[in-house]
Amino acid sequence: MVDNTTIAFADFTGSTGLYETLGNTKAAESLTRGTHWIGKLCESRGGRVIKYLGDGVLMAFADNTVAVQTMAEMQRLHHERISTWPERVRMKIKVGMARGPVVEQQGDCFGDAVNVASRLSDLAQGEQILVSQPVVAALADSGSTRSRNLGLMDIRGKAEPVEVHRVEWDSDAASEFLTMPAVLDMLADSNTRAQSTITLQCLDVQTTFTGPDFPIYVGRENDSHFPVNDQRVSRMHVRIDRRGGNFVLEDLSSYGTWVRFAGSDSIIALRRQECTLSGNGEIALGASFDDFSAPCISFAIQDVAAKPA
């Protein structure tokens, strides 16, 4: 038994497009080069590669702070590497990390930290680093690493929800994400602000919500403000509220929420996170837009001129 080991799972996303573009042989070679690049970076920072997993790497670090810093550095370096690559071969990396006692046997390791790190890697999106609370608690200098508490998440194999944090390795993006809602609130003037409504639609069901209705909940429960009957939808999946004249959507679910705005190819993936809604677009609940069967609702925001004060 080895105490206080930080486990990291790093996996490439987008390998399907890579195989379709390059063919099996070249795609496999490219993935191998990528995973071994991750392995070399790990070892150069004092970590150990436990094993390679096709399109991923299982790593162990005795020093927790070094582990987090190495994974953040890896994301920054890889983001720069792929910035000029064609979209079809642009594989991103997702990371899950946990800390605790592990047992190493015959080139493998076992323990709760290994299981949690694996599940967090499954939950993460490309370019995300999801970590358990003990990883954040064990940081030697928490001020040098920015993280965002995503709250409790249901993890397969765990009887109780796990407190999950997201490491913000891209300082510019993190700063913009955290400060933009406050900027919007300051710009909104209560005397001239439009009184907006939001209309949600799923199949032939359409409901419009206005000021007195908020906050509203979308979920599988029949007593939700907007029920969506699908097993992938949590009982209370998302919360939509008004803040400073803006509509803010917060993911409360087990499996995540995806938001896509009309006229944009960008998709915002939320795991116990929030984003500001504007204009119109779509929200996928419990499965991404890549799944054609994903339960989706459309939203449309309309401004109605406020009466003069």
C-alpha atoms as a PDB file:
ATOM      1  CA  MET A   1       0.000   0.000   0.000  1.00  0.00           C
ATOM      2  CA  VAL A   2       1.371   3.401  -1.040  1.00  0.00           C
ATOM      3  CA  ASP A   3      -0.063   6.387   0.861  1.00  0.00           C
ATOM      4  CA  ASN A   4      -0.989   9.770  -0.531  1.00  0.00           C
ATOM      5  CA  THR A   5      -0.508   9.143  -4.229  1.00  0.00           C
ATOM      6  CA  THR A   6      -2.074  11.444  -6.801  1.00  0.00           C
ATOM      7  CA  ILE A   7      -3.448   9.500  -9.754  1.00  0.00           C
ATOM      8  CA  ALA A   8      -4.004  11.138 -13.141  1.00  0.00           C
ATOM      9  CA  PHE A   9      -5.837   9.702 -16.146  1.00  0.00           C
ATOM     10  CA  ALA A  10      -5.217  11.631 -19.386  1.00  0.00           C
ATOM     11  CA  ASP A  11      -7.201  10.632 -22.470  1.00  0.00           C
ATOM     12  CA  PHE A  12      -7.370  11.952 -26.015  1.00  0.00           C
ATOM     13  CA  THR A  13     -10.751  12.905 -27.468  1.00  0.00           C
ATOM     14  CA  GLY A  14     -11.699  13.013 -31.146  1.00  0.00           C
ATOM     15  CA  SER A  15      -9.931   9.812 -32.186  1.00  0.00           C
ATOM     16  CA  THR A  16     -12.863   8.806 -34.409  1.00  0.00           C
ATOM     17  CA  GLY A  17     -12.239  11.729 -36.758  1.00  0.00           C
ATOM     18  CA  LEU A  18      -8.534  10.948 -36.700  1.00  0.00           C
ATOM     19  CA  TYR A  19      -9.081   7.369 -37.878  1.00  0.00           C
ATOM     20  CA  GLU A  20     -11.501   8.499 -40.586  1.00  0.00           C
ATOM     21  CA  THR A  21      -9.021  11.081 -41.872  1.00  0.00           C
ATOM     22  CA  LEU A  22      -5.693   9.250 -41.579  1.00  0.00           C
ATOM     23  CA  GLY A  23      -6.700   5.609 -41.732  1.00  0.00           C
ATOM     24  CA  ASN A  24      -6.092   2.957 -39.088  1.00  0.00           C
ATOM     25  CA  THR A  25      -2.301   2.671 -39.313  1.00  0.00           C
ATOM     26  CA  LYS A  26      -1.393   6.365 -39.318  1.00  0.00           C
ATOM     27  CA  ALA A  27      -4.040   7.203 -36.727  1.00  0.00           C
ATOM     28  CA  ALA A  28      -2.718   4.519 -34.372  1.00  0.00           C
ATOM     29  CA  GLU A  29       0.826   5.812 -34.856  1.00  0.00           C
ATOM     30  CA  SER A  30      -0.308   9.367 -34.130  1.00  0.00           C
ATOM     31  CA  LEU A  31      -2.104   8.298 -30.937  1.00  0.00           C
ATOM     32  CA  THR A  32       0.953   6.368 -29.786  1.00  0.00           C
ATOM     33  CA  ARG A  33       3.183   9.414 -30.320  1.00  0.00           C
ATOM     34  CA  GLY A  34       0.693  11.526 -28.402  1.00  0.00           C
ATOM     35  CA  THR A  35       0.404   9.228 -25.399  1.00  0.00           C
ATOM     36  CA  HIS A  36       4.183   8.797 -25.215  1.00  0.00           C
ATOM     37  CA  TRP A  37       4.592  12.578 -25.333  1.00  0.00           C
ATOM     38  CA  ILE A  38       2.321  12.759 -22.275  1.00  0.00           C
ATOM     39  CA  GLY A  39       4.330   9.999 -20.615  1.00  0.00           C
ATOM     40  CA  LYS A  40       7.658  11.733 -21.183  1.00  0.00           C
ATOM     41  CA  LEU A  41       6.295  14.995 -19.795  1.00  0.00           C
ATOM     42  CA  CYS A  42       5.034  13.137 -16.722  1.00  0.00           C
ATOM     43  CA  GLU A  43       8.367  11.444 -16.086  1.00  0.00           C
ATOM     44  CA  SER A  44      10.335  14.656 -16.643  1.00  0.00           C
ATOM     45  CA  ARG A  45       8.357  16.214 -13.769  1.00  0.00           C
ATOM     46  CA  GLY A  46       8.929  13.336 -11.346  1.00  0.00           C
ATOM     47  CA  GLY A  47       5.783  11.345 -12.063  1.00  0.00           C
ATOM     48  CA  ARG A  48       5.549   7.712 -13.128  1.00  0.00           C
ATOM     49  CA  VAL A  49       3.675   6.160 -16.025  1.00  0.00           C
ATOM     50  CA  ILE A  50       1.758   3.165 -14.712  1.00  0.00           C
ATOM     51  CA  LYS A  51       0.533   2.069 -18.137  1.00  0.00           C
ATOM     52  CA  TYR A  52      -0.534   3.243 -21.582  1.00  0.00           C
ATOM     53  CA  LEU A  53      -4.186   2.690 -22.513  1.00  0.00           C
ATOM     54  CA  GLY A  54      -4.439   3.050 -26.286  1.00  0.00           C
ATOM     55  CA  ASP A  55      -5.616   6.657 -26.383  1.00  0.00           C
ATOM     56  CA  GLY A  56      -4.751   7.473 -22.777  1.00  0.00           C
ATOM     57  CA  VAL A  57      -2.165   7.308 -20.000  1.00  0.00           C
ATOM     58  CA  LEU A  58      -2.447   6.308 -16.335  1.00  0.00           C
ATOM     59  CA  MET A  59       0.072   8.206 -14.178  1.00  0.00           C
ATOM     60  CA  ALA A  60       1.040   8.432 -10.509  1.00  0.00           C
ATOM     61  CA  PHE A  61       2.683  11.308  -8.611  1.00  0.00           C
ATOM     62  CA  ALA A  62       4.009  11.333  -5.060  1.00  0.00           C
ATOM     63  CA  ASP A  63       3.959  15.155  -5.070  1.00  0.00           C
ATOM     64  CA  ASN A  64       0.374  16.356  -5.436  1.00  0.00           C
ATOM     65  CA  THR A  65       1.234  19.957  -6.359  1.00  0.00           C
ATOM     66  CA  VAL A  66       3.640  18.792  -9.070  1.00  0.00           C
ATOM     67  CA  ALA A  67       0.922  16.488 -10.409  1.00  0.00           C
ATOM     68  CA  VAL A  68      -1.586  19.328 -10.837  1.00  0.00           C
ATOM     69  CA  GLN A  69       0.996  21.701 -12.281  1.00  0.00           C
ATOM     70  CA  THR A  70       2.169  19.041 -14.749  1.00  0.00           C
ATOM     71  CA  MET A  71      -1.353  18.365 -16.013  1.00  0.00           C
ATOM     72  CA  ALA A  72      -1.988  22.112 -16.373  1.00  0.00           C
ATOM     73  CA  GLU A  73       1.299  22.511 -18.251  1.00  0.00           C
ATOM     74  CA  MET A  74       0.367  19.590 -20.479  1.00  0.00           C
ATOM     75  CA  GLN A  75      -2.940  21.230 -21.405  1.00  0.00           C
ATOM     76  CA  ARG A  76      -1.238  24.547 -22.210  1.00  0.00           C
ATOM     77  CA  LEU A  77       1.462  22.912 -24.350  1.00  0.00           C
ATOM     78  CA  HIS A  78      -0.982  20.690 -26.207  1.00  0.00           C
ATOM     79  CA  HIS A  79      -3.369  23.576 -26.818  1.00  0.00           C
ATOM     80  CA  GLU A  80      -0.500  25.406 -28.542  1.00  0.00           C
ATOM     81  CA  ARG A  81       0.551  22.266 -30.463  1.00  0.00           C
ATOM     82  CA  ILE A  82      -2.849  21.678 -32.057  1.00  0.00           C
ATOM     83  CA  SER A  83      -3.802  25.318 -32.698  1.00  0.00           C
ATOM     84  CA  THR A  84      -2.715  25.072 -36.358  1.00  0.00           C
ATOM     85  CA  TRP A  85      -3.833  21.480 -36.972  1.00  0.00           C
ATOM     86  CA  PRO A  86      -6.812  20.733 -39.259  1.00  0.00           C
ATOM     87  CA  GLU A  87     -10.042  20.381 -37.295  1.00  0.00           C
ATOM     88  CA  ARG A  88     -10.517  16.717 -38.235  1.00  0.00           C
ATOM     89  CA  VAL A  89      -7.272  15.656 -36.572  1.00  0.00           C
ATOM     90  CA  ARG A  90      -7.332  18.092 -33.650  1.00  0.00           C
ATOM     91  CA  MET A  91      -7.492  15.752 -30.660  1.00  0.00           C
ATOM     92  CA  LYS A  92      -7.891  17.369 -27.256  1.00  0.00           C
ATOM     93  CA  ILE A  93      -6.935  15.929 -23.884  1.00  0.00           C
ATOM     94  CA  LYS A  94      -9.237  15.395 -20.913  1.00  0.00           C
ATOM     95  CA  VAL A  95      -7.915  14.643 -17.435  1.00  0.00           C
ATOM     96  CA  GLY A  96      -9.280  13.118 -14.231  1.00  0.00           C
ATOM     97  CA  MET A  97      -7.296  13.276 -10.987  1.00  0.00           C
ATOM     98  CA  ALA A  98      -7.776  11.896  -7.471  1.00  0.00           C
ATOM     99  CA  ARG A  99      -5.603  11.346  -4.414  1.00  0.00           C
ATOM    100  CA  GLY A 100      -5.412   8.571  -1.844  1.00  0.00           C
ATOM    101  CA  PRO A 101      -3.786   5.229  -0.968  1.00  0.00           C
ATOM    102  CA  VAL A 102      -3.118   2.853  -3.877  1.00  0.00           C
ATOM    103  CA  VAL A 103      -1.804  -0.685  -4.280  1.00  0.00           C
ATOM    104  CA  GLU A 104       0.623  -1.423  -7.120  1.00  0.00           C
ATOM    105  CA  GLN A 105       0.804  -4.942  -8.513  1.00  0.00           C
ATOM    106  CA  GLN A 106       2.327  -6.324 -11.702  1.00  0.00           C
ATOM    107  CA  GLY A 107       2.529  -3.027 -13.542  1.00  0.00           C
ATOM    108  CA  ASP A 108      -0.906  -1.808 -12.508  1.00  0.00           C
ATOM    109  CA  CYS A 109      -2.374   0.055  -9.545  1.00  0.00           C
ATOM    110  CA  PHE A 110      -5.608  -0.240  -7.626  1.00  0.00           C
ATOM    111  CA  GLY A 111      -7.529   1.767  -5.087  1.00  0.00           C
ATOM    112  CA  ASP A 112     -10.340   4.261  -4.662  1.00  0.00           C
ATOM    113  CA  ALA A 113      -8.203   7.108  -6.035  1.00  0.00           C
ATOM    114  CA  VAL A 114      -7.636   5.145  -9.249  1.00  0.00           C
ATOM    115  CA  ASN A 115     -11.360   4.500  -9.680  1.00  0.00           C
ATOM    116  CA  VAL A 116     -12.348   8.112  -8.989  1.00  0.00           C
ATOM    117  CA  ALA A 117      -9.679   9.515 -11.339  1.00  0.00           C
ATOM    118  CA  SER A 118     -10.902   7.182 -14.081  1.00  0.00           C
ATOM    119  CA  ARG A 119     -14.536   8.260 -13.619  1.00  0.00           C
ATOM    120  CA  LEU A 120     -13.587  11.948 -13.565  1.00  0.00           C
ATOM    121  CA  SER A 121     -11.685  11.454 -16.815  1.00  0.00           C
ATOM    122  CA  ASP A 122     -14.860   9.960 -18.308  1.00  0.00           C
ATOM    123  CA  LEU A 123     -16.880  12.974 -17.128  1.00  0.00           C
ATOM    124  CA  ALA A 124     -14.386  15.577 -18.343  1.00  0.00           C
ATOM    125  CA  GLN A 125     -14.618  17.302 -21.700  1.00  0.00           C
ATOM    126  CA  GLY A 126     -11.684  18.032 -23.987  1.00  0.00           C
ATOM    127  CA  GLU A 127      -9.182  20.475 -22.397  1.00  0.00           C
ATOM    128  CA  GLN A 128     -10.718  20.011 -18.938  1.00  0.00           C
ATOM    129  CA  ILE A 129      -8.992  18.834 -15.766  1.00  0.00           C
ATOM    130  CA  LEU A 130     -11.459  17.494 -13.185  1.00  0.00           C
ATOM    131  CA  VAL A 131     -10.060  16.677  -9.737  1.00  0.00           C
ATOM    132  CA  SER A 132     -11.415  15.339  -6.453  1.00  0.00           C
ATOM    133  CA  GLN A 133     -11.489  17.512  -3.332  1.00  0.00           C
ATOM    134  CA  PRO A 134      -8.445  15.818  -1.699  1.00  0.00           C
ATOM    135  CA  VAL A 135      -6.332  16.936  -4.681  1.00  0.00           C
ATOM    136  CA  VAL A 136      -7.275  20.584  -4.109  1.00  0.00           C
ATOM    137  CA  ALA A 137      -6.857  20.242  -0.341  1.00  0.00           C
ATOM    138  CA  ALA A 138      -3.317  18.853  -0.739  1.00  0.00           C
ATOM    139  CA  LEU A 139      -2.003  21.654  -2.945  1.00  0.00           C
ATOM    140  CA  ALA A 140       1.114  23.128  -1.323  1.00  0.00           C
ATOM    141  CA  ASP A 141       0.319  26.608  -2.631  1.00  0.00           C
ATOM    142  CA  SER A 142      -3.358  26.763  -3.534  1.00  0.00           C
ATOM    143  CA  GLY A 143      -2.990  30.404  -4.550  1.00  0.00           C
ATOM    144  CA  SER A 144      -0.850  29.483  -7.552  1.00  0.00           C
ATOM    145  CA  THR A 145      -3.469  27.142  -8.994  1.00  0.00           C
ATOM    146  CA  ARG A 146      -6.954  28.351  -9.848  1.00  0.00           C
ATOM    147  CA  SER A 147      -9.812  25.907  -9.509  1.00  0.00           C
ATOM    148  CA  ARG A 148     -13.573  26.094  -9.540  1.00  0.00           C
ATOM    149  CA  ASN A 149     -15.764  24.019  -7.229  1.00  0.00           C
ATOM    150  CA  LEU A 150     -18.346  22.216  -9.364  1.00  0.00           C
ATOM    151  CA  GLY A 151     -20.145  20.792  -6.346  1.00  0.00           C
ATOM    152  CA  LEU A 152     -21.148  17.208  -5.632  1.00  0.00           C
ATOM    153  CA  MET A 153     -21.365  14.736  -8.510  1.00  0.00           C
ATOM    154  CA  ASP A 154     -22.628  11.177  -8.632  1.00  0.00           C
ATOM    155  CA  ILE A 155     -19.694   8.928  -9.541  1.00  0.00           C
ATOM    156  CA  ARG A 156     -20.335   5.396 -10.738  1.00  0.00           C
ATOM    157  CA  GLY A 157     -19.176   2.926  -8.101  1.00  0.00           C
ATOM    158  CA  LYS A 158     -19.357   5.460  -5.240  1.00  0.00           C
ATOM    159  CA  ALA A 159     -22.155   5.266  -2.668  1.00  0.00           C
ATOM    160  CA  GLU A 160     -21.928   8.983  -1.905  1.00  0.00           C
ATOM    161  CA  PRO A 161     -21.511  11.940  -4.296  1.00  0.00           C
ATOM    162  CA  VAL A 162     -17.959  13.224  -4.786  1.00  0.00           C
ATOM    163  CA  GLU A 163     -16.982  16.893  -4.508  1.00  0.00           C
ATOM    164  CA  VAL A 164     -15.412  17.799  -7.853  1.00  0.00           C
ATOM    165  CA  HIS A 165     -13.260  20.783  -8.835  1.00  0.00           C
ATOM    166  CA  ARG A 166     -12.111  21.960 -12.261  1.00  0.00           C
ATOM    167  CA  VAL A 167      -8.536  23.212 -12.546  1.00  0.00           C
ATOM    168  CA  GLU A 168      -8.390  26.431 -14.581  1.00  0.00           C
ATOM    169  CA  TRP A 169      -5.171  25.999 -16.555  1.00  0.00           C
ATOM    170  CA  ASP A 170      -6.039  28.750 -19.083  1.00  0.00           C
ATOM    171  CA  SER A 171      -5.824  31.905 -16.973  1.00  0.00           C
ATOM    172  CA  ASP A 172      -7.285  34.195 -19.638  1.00  0.00           C
ATOM    173  CA  ALA A 173     -10.317  32.010 -20.234  1.00  0.00           C
ATOM    174  CA  ALA A 174     -10.867  31.506 -16.507  1.00  0.00           C
ATOM    175  CA  SER A 175     -10.730  35.228 -15.816  1.00  0.00           C
ATOM    176  CA  GLU A 176     -13.176  36.004 -18.597  1.00  0.00           C
ATOM    177  CA  PHE A 177     -15.577  33.279 -17.473  1.00  0.00           C
ATOM    178  CA  LEU A 178     -15.589  34.457 -13.868  1.00  0.00           C
ATOM    179  CA  THR A 179     -15.796  38.202 -14.481  1.00  0.00           C
ATOM    180  CA  MET A 180     -18.069  38.558 -17.499  1.00  0.00           C
ATOM    181  CA  PRO A 181     -21.385  38.093 -15.596  1.00  0.00           C
ATOM    182  CA  ALA A 182     -20.363  40.840 -13.153  1.00  0.00           C
ATOM    183  CA  VAL A 183     -19.533  43.182 -16.041  1.00  0.00           C
ATOM    184  CA  LEU A 184     -22.918  42.533 -17.615  1.00  0.00           C
ATOM    185  CA  ASP A 185     -24.650  43.220 -14.317  1.00  0.00           C
ATOM    186  CA  MET A 186     -22.899  46.578 -13.963  1.00  0.00           C
ATOM    187  CA  LEU A 187     -23.894  47.603 -17.474  1.00  0.00           C
ATOM    188  CA  ALA A 188     -27.565  46.858 -16.867  1.00  0.00           C
ATOM    189  CA  ASP A 189     -29.592  49.832 -15.618  1.00  0.00           C
ATOM    190  CA  SER A 190     -32.728  48.894 -13.706  1.00  0.00           C
ATOM    191  CA  ASN A 191     -34.588  51.972 -14.985  1.00  0.00           C
ATOM    192  CA  THR A 192     -34.102  51.226 -18.693  1.00  0.00           C
ATOM    193  CA  ARG A 193     -33.551  47.463 -18.752  1.00  0.00           C
ATOM    194  CA  ALA A 194     -35.846  45.500 -20.992  1.00  0.00           C
ATOM    195  CA  GLN A 195     -38.126  42.970 -19.284  1.00  0.00           C
ATOM    196  CA  SER A 196     -37.087  39.795 -21.063  1.00  0.00           C
ATOM    197  CA  THR A 197     -38.936  36.530 -21.452  1.00  0.00           C
ATOM    198  CA  ILE A 198     -37.528  33.113 -22.273  1.00  0.00           C
ATOM    199  CA  THR A 199     -39.454  30.519 -24.245  1.00  0.00           C
ATOM    200  CA  LEU A 200     -38.547  26.842 -23.928  1.00  0.00           C
ATOM    201  CA  GLN A 201     -39.745  24.230 -26.410  1.00  0.00           C
ATOM    202  CA  CYS A 202     -39.371  20.443 -26.549  1.00  0.00           C
ATOM    203  CA  LEU A 203     -41.208  18.649 -29.366  1.00  0.00           C
ATOM    204  CA  ASP A 204     -44.730  20.119 -29.326  1.00  0.00           C
ATOM    205  CA  VAL A 205     -44.531  21.541 -25.788  1.00  0.00           C
ATOM    206  CA  GLN A 206     -43.754  25.265 -25.544  1.00  0.00           C
ATOM    207  CA  THR A 207     -43.779  27.490 -22.461  1.00  0.00           C
ATOM    208  CA  THR A 208     -42.844  31.136 -21.996  1.00  0.00           C
ATOM    209  CA  PHE A 209     -41.497  32.326 -18.640  1.00  0.00           C
ATOM    210  CA  THR A 210     -41.348  35.901 -17.390  1.00  0.00           C
ATOM    211  CA  GLY A 211     -40.151  37.840 -14.322  1.00  0.00           C
ATOM    212  CA  PRO A 212     -42.292  36.383 -11.510  1.00  0.00           C
ATOM    213  CA  ASP A 213     -41.645  32.807 -12.646  1.00  0.00           C
ATOM    214  CA  PHE A 214     -37.930  32.623 -11.807  1.00  0.00           C
ATOM    215  CA  PRO A 215     -36.026  30.614 -10.865  1.00  0.00           C
ATOM    216  CA  ILE A 216     -37.348  27.779 -13.017  1.00  0.00           C
ATOM    217  CA  TYR A 217     -36.234  24.143 -13.088  1.00  0.00           C
ATOM    218  CA  VAL A 218     -36.039  21.784 -16.051  1.00  0.00           C
ATOM    219  CA  GLY A 219     -35.960  18.080 -15.264  1.00  0.00           C
ATOM    220  CA  ARG A 220     -37.535  14.656 -15.409  1.00  0.00           C
ATOM    221  CA  GLU A 221     -39.895  15.319 -12.483  1.00  0.00           C
ATOM    222  CA  ASN A 222     -43.465  16.094 -13.487  1.00  0.00           C
ATOM    223  CA  ASP A 223     -43.526  18.972 -11.014  1.00  0.00           C
ATOM    224  CA  SER A 224     -40.576  20.665 -12.748  1.00  0.00           C
ATOM    225  CA  HIS A 225     -41.460  23.948 -14.382  1.00  0.00           C
ATOM    226  CA  PHE A 226     -40.552  22.363 -17.728  1.00  0.00           C
ATOM    227  CA  PRO A 227     -40.559  18.515 -17.581  1.00  0.00           C
ATOM    228  CA  VAL A 228     -38.507  16.474 -20.079  1.00  0.00           C
ATOM    229  CA  ASN A 229     -39.264  12.756 -19.915  1.00  0.00           C
ATOM    230  CA  ASP A 230     -36.015  10.947 -20.683  1.00  0.00           C
ATOM    231  CA  GLN A 231     -33.957   8.652 -18.434  1.00  0.00           C
ATOM    232  CA  ARG A 232     -30.794  10.622 -19.207  1.00  0.00           C
ATOM    233  CA  VAL A 233     -32.379  13.750 -17.746  1.00  0.00           C
ATOM    234  CA  SER A 234     -31.913  14.213 -14.003  1.00  0.00           C
ATOM    235  CA  ARG A 235     -34.928  14.853 -11.811  1.00  0.00           C
ATOM    236  CA  MET A 236     -33.822  18.472 -11.468  1.00  0.00           C
ATOM    237  CA  HIS A 237     -31.415  18.874 -14.382  1.00  0.00           C
ATOM    238  CA  VAL A 238     -30.915  22.628 -14.842  1.00  0.00           C
ATOM    239  CA  ARG A 239     -31.899  25.815 -13.085  1.00  0.00           C
ATOM    240  CA  ILE A 240     -32.549  29.025 -15.019  1.00  0.00           C
ATOM    241  CA  ASP A 241     -32.588  32.288 -13.099  1.00  0.00           C
ATOM    242  CA  ARG A 242     -32.507  36.037 -13.710  1.00  0.00           C
ATOM    243  CA  ARG A 243     -29.385  37.971 -12.690  1.00  0.00           C
ATOM    244  CA  GLY A 244     -28.982  41.630 -13.493  1.00  0.00           C
ATOM    245  CA  GLY A 245     -31.259  41.384 -16.507  1.00  0.00           C
ATOM    246  CA  ASN A 246     -29.587  38.228 -17.858  1.00  0.00           C
ATOM    247  CA  PHE A 247     -30.714  34.622 -17.966  1.00  0.00           C
ATOM    248  CA  VAL A 248     -28.228  32.278 -16.286  1.00  0.00           C
ATOM    249  CA  LEU A 249     -28.429  28.513 -16.751  1.00  0.00           C
ATOM    250  CA  GLU A 250     -26.879  26.295 -14.051  1.00  0.00           C
ATOM    251  CA  ASP A 251     -26.294  22.567 -14.542  1.00  0.00           C
ATOM    252  CA  LEU A 252     -27.446  20.498 -11.546  1.00  0.00           C
ATOM    253  CA  SER A 253     -27.320  17.091 -13.218  1.00  0.00           C
ATOM    254  CA  SER A 254     -25.376  13.851 -13.000  1.00  0.00           C
ATOM    255  CA  TYR A 255     -24.490  13.602 -16.692  1.00  0.00           C
ATOM    256  CA  GLY A 256     -24.095  17.187 -17.845  1.00  0.00           C
ATOM    257  CA  THR A 257     -25.677  19.815 -20.070  1.00  0.00           C
ATOM    258  CA  TRP A 258     -24.580  21.184 -23.454  1.00  0.00           C
ATOM    259  CA  VAL A 259     -25.531  24.612 -24.854  1.00  0.00           C
ATOM    260  CA  ARG A 260     -25.322  25.697 -28.482  1.00  0.00           C
ATOM    261  CA  PHE A 261     -26.253  29.196 -29.663  1.00  0.00           C
ATOM    262  CA  ALA A 262     -27.916  29.792 -33.022  1.00  0.00           C
ATOM    263  CA  GLY A 263     -25.438  30.728 -35.746  1.00  0.00           C
ATOM    264  CA  SER A 264     -22.452  29.308 -33.860  1.00  0.00           C
ATOM    265  CA  ASP A 265     -20.664  25.963 -34.096  1.00  0.00           C
ATOM    266  CA  SER A 266     -19.229  26.336 -30.578  1.00  0.00           C
ATOM    267  CA  ILE A 267     -20.688  24.128 -27.860  1.00  0.00           C
ATOM    268  CA  ILE A 268     -20.502  24.922 -24.144  1.00  0.00           C
ATOM    269  CA  ALA A 269     -20.250  21.782 -21.997  1.00  0.00           C
ATOM    270  CA  LEU A 270     -21.418  22.236 -18.404  1.00  0.00           C
ATOM    271  CA  ARG A 271     -20.761  19.963 -15.424  1.00  0.00           C
ATOM    272  CA  ARG A 272     -22.176  21.645 -12.318  1.00  0.00           C
ATOM    273  CA  GLN A 273     -21.278  24.925 -14.001  1.00  0.00           C
ATOM    274  CA  GLU A 274     -23.261  27.826 -15.373  1.00  0.00           C
ATOM    275  CA  CYS A 275     -23.429  30.057 -18.434  1.00  0.00           C
ATOM    276  CA  THR A 276     -25.346  33.117 -19.557  1.00  0.00           C
ATOM    277  CA  LEU A 277     -28.035  32.537 -22.182  1.00  0.00           C
ATOM    278  CA  SER A 278     -28.685  35.059 -24.934  1.00  0.00           C
ATOM    279  CA  GLY A 279     -30.602  35.169 -28.204  1.00  0.00           C
ATOM    280  CA  ASN A 280     -31.751  31.688 -29.066  1.00  0.00           C
ATOM    281  CA  GLY A 281     -30.275  28.235 -29.315  1.00  0.00           C
ATOM    282  CA  GLU A 282     -30.494  24.678 -28.036  1.00  0.00           C
ATOM    283  CA  ILE A 283     -29.835  22.844 -24.778  1.00  0.00           C
ATOM    284  CA  ALA A 284     -28.950  19.128 -24.729  1.00  0.00           C
ATOM    285  CA  LEU A 285     -29.688  17.327 -21.471  1.00  0.00           C
ATOM    286  CA  GLY A 286     -27.737  14.282 -20.299  1.00  0.00           C
ATOM    287  CA  ALA A 287     -26.071  13.609 -23.662  1.00  0.00           C
ATOM    288  CA  SER A 288     -24.142  15.811 -26.072  1.00  0.00           C
ATOM    289  CA  PHE A 289     -25.348  17.036 -29.453  1.00  0.00           C
ATOM    290  CA  ASP A 290     -23.154  14.341 -31.033  1.00  0.00           C
ATOM    291  CA  ASP A 291     -25.794  11.820 -29.929  1.00  0.00           C
ATOM    292  CA  PHE A 292     -28.683  12.184 -32.369  1.00  0.00           C
ATOM    293  CA  SER A 293     -31.075  10.811 -29.739  1.00  0.00           C
ATOM    294  CA  ALA A 294     -30.076  13.349 -27.067  1.00  0.00           C
ATOM    295  CA  PRO A 295     -33.062  15.021 -25.384  1.00  0.00           C
ATOM    296  CA  CYS A 296     -32.925  18.651 -26.519  1.00  0.00           C
ATOM    297  CA  ILE A 297     -34.911  21.774 -25.821  1.00  0.00           C
ATOM    298  CA  SER A 298     -34.736  25.034 -27.729  1.00  0.00           C
ATOM    299  CA  PHE A 299     -34.709  28.431 -26.067  1.00  0.00           C
ATOM    300  CA  ALA A 300     -35.560  31.886 -27.361  1.00  0.00           C
ATOM    301  CA  ILE A 301     -35.120  35.119 -25.428  1.00  0.00           C
ATOM    302  CA  GLN A 302     -37.230  38.123 -26.295  1.00  0.00           C
ATOM    303  CA  ASP A 303     -36.866  41.620 -24.883  1.00  0.00           C
ATOM    304  CA  VAL A 304     -40.013  43.547 -24.053  1.00  0.00           C
ATOM    305  CA  ALA A 305     -39.424  47.250 -23.489  1.00  0.00           C
ATOM    306  CA  ALA A 306     -39.721  48.252 -19.851  1.00  0.00           C
ATOM    307  CA  LYS A 307     -42.040  51.007 -18.778  1.00  0.00           C
ATOM    308  CA  PRO A 308     -40.309  54.268 -17.802  1.00  0.00           C
ATOM    309  CA  ALA A 309     -39.640  54.543 -14.055  1.00  0.00           C
END
